[in-house]
Amino acid sequence: MSFTGTQQKCKACEKTVYPVELLSADGIPYHKSCFKCSHCKGTLKLGNYSSMEGVVYCKPHFEQLFKESGNFNKNFQSRMYFFFLSVDGILYLVS
């Protein structure tokens, strides 16, 4: 008998995520062990992360990004006028 469940792929490692190891952040599937801050690689939980443009950060590094740039779109000033921001799993449209 073969498993006929999910074919979702983890955003971080691109391997199949089975239901027992699935963590979904902003509708994006991750293995629990792959859900890490893109800056420090610290393990994240659904209650302690923020994301911008699909990139996840721990709260301290997300705040550091904002403080260093003065805004959230430092690298996209000429191309981006709006983006989605997720804090504690709540999605915001920011201009």
Protein backbone atom coordinates (compact mmCIF):
# COMPACT_ATOMS: atom_id res chain seq x y z
CA MET A 1 0.00 0.00 0.00
CA SER A 2 1.42 3.38 -0.95
CA PHE A 3 0.90 6.76 0.68
CA THR A 4 -1.43 8.93 -1.39
CA GLY A 5 -1.35 12.09 0.74
CA THR A 6 0.05 15.52 0.09
CA GLN A 7 2.47 16.39 -2.65
CA GLN A 8 3.31 19.76 -1.08
CA LYS A 9 6.96 20.75 -1.23
CA CYS A 10 8.78 22.57 1.56
CA LYS A 11 9.74 26.09 0.48
CA ALA A 12 13.13 25.80 2.19
CA CYS A 13 14.36 22.38 1.02
CA GLU A 14 11.89 21.62 -1.80
CA LYS A 15 11.29 18.07 -0.51
CA THR A 16 7.84 16.56 0.07
CA VAL A 17 6.20 17.62 3.33
CA TYR A 18 4.08 14.90 4.94
CA PRO A 19 1.19 15.94 7.20
CA VAL A 20 2.92 14.93 10.45
CA GLU A 21 5.83 17.33 9.74
CA LEU A 22 3.87 20.12 8.00
CA LEU A 23 4.04 23.69 9.23
CA SER A 24 2.13 26.20 7.09
CA ALA A 25 3.14 29.86 7.41
CA ASP A 26 1.10 32.33 5.35
CA GLY A 27 -0.14 29.35 3.36
CA ILE A 28 3.41 28.27 2.47
CA PRO A 29 4.40 24.72 3.48
CA TYR A 30 7.59 24.03 5.47
CA HIS A 31 8.98 21.10 7.40
CA LYS A 32 8.99 22.10 11.07
CA SER A 33 12.78 21.73 11.07
CA CYS A 34 13.18 23.90 7.92
CA PHE A 35 11.20 26.90 9.22
CA LYS A 36 14.19 29.13 10.05
CA CYS A 37 15.12 32.81 10.03
CA SER A 38 16.73 33.64 6.70
CA HIS A 39 19.36 35.75 8.49
CA CYS A 40 20.46 33.82 11.59
CA LYS A 41 19.03 30.37 10.69
CA GLY A 42 17.36 30.17 14.11
CA THR A 43 14.35 27.85 14.28
CA LEU A 44 11.05 29.73 14.09
CA LYS A 45 7.57 28.99 15.40
CA LEU A 46 4.28 30.35 14.11
CA GLY A 47 4.10 32.81 17.00
CA ASN A 48 7.59 34.29 16.68
CA TYR A 49 8.23 35.13 13.04
CA SER A 50 7.64 37.90 10.55
CA SER A 51 7.89 37.72 6.80
CA MET A 52 8.34 40.03 3.85
CA GLU A 53 7.92 39.00 0.22
CA GLY A 54 7.94 35.33 1.21
CA VAL A 55 11.19 35.58 3.22
CA VAL A 56 10.84 34.65 6.89
CA TYR A 57 12.75 36.25 9.76
CA CYS A 58 12.85 36.04 13.52
CA LYS A 59 11.35 39.17 15.05
CA PRO A 60 14.71 40.70 16.12
CA HIS A 61 16.18 40.42 12.61
CA PHE A 62 12.99 41.67 10.97
CA GLU A 63 13.08 44.72 13.25
CA GLN A 64 16.80 45.16 12.50
CA LEU A 65 16.06 45.19 8.77
CA PHE A 66 13.51 47.95 9.34
CA LYS A 67 15.81 50.00 11.59
CA GLU A 68 18.77 49.78 9.19
CA SER A 69 16.79 50.80 6.13
CA GLY A 70 14.19 53.11 7.65
CA ASN A 71 11.57 51.18 5.68
CA PHE A 72 10.79 47.65 4.59
CA ASN A 73 11.56 48.05 0.89
CA LYS A 74 15.22 49.11 1.06
CA ASN A 75 16.30 46.97 -1.89
CA PHE A 76 13.21 47.59 -4.00
CA GLN A 77 12.72 51.37 -3.79
CA SER A 78 12.46 52.00 -7.52
CA ARG A 79 10.38 48.93 -8.35
CA MET A 80 7.99 48.35 -5.46
CA TYR A 81 5.20 50.50 -4.17
CA PHE A 82 3.13 47.97 -2.21
CA PHE A 83 3.94 44.70 -0.50
CA PHE A 84 2.44 42.23 1.92
CA LEU A 85 3.80 42.04 5.45
CA SER A 86 3.04 39.20 7.83
CA VAL A 87 3.35 39.65 11.58
CA ASP A 88 2.16 36.87 13.89
CA GLY A 89 0.39 35.24 10.95
CA ILE A 90 -1.65 38.39 10.17
CA LEU A 91 -1.19 39.67 6.62
CA TYR A 92 -0.95 43.46 6.03
CA LEU A 93 -0.76 45.46 2.80
CA VAL A 94 1.93 48.11 3.23
CA SER A 95 2.64 51.02 0.91
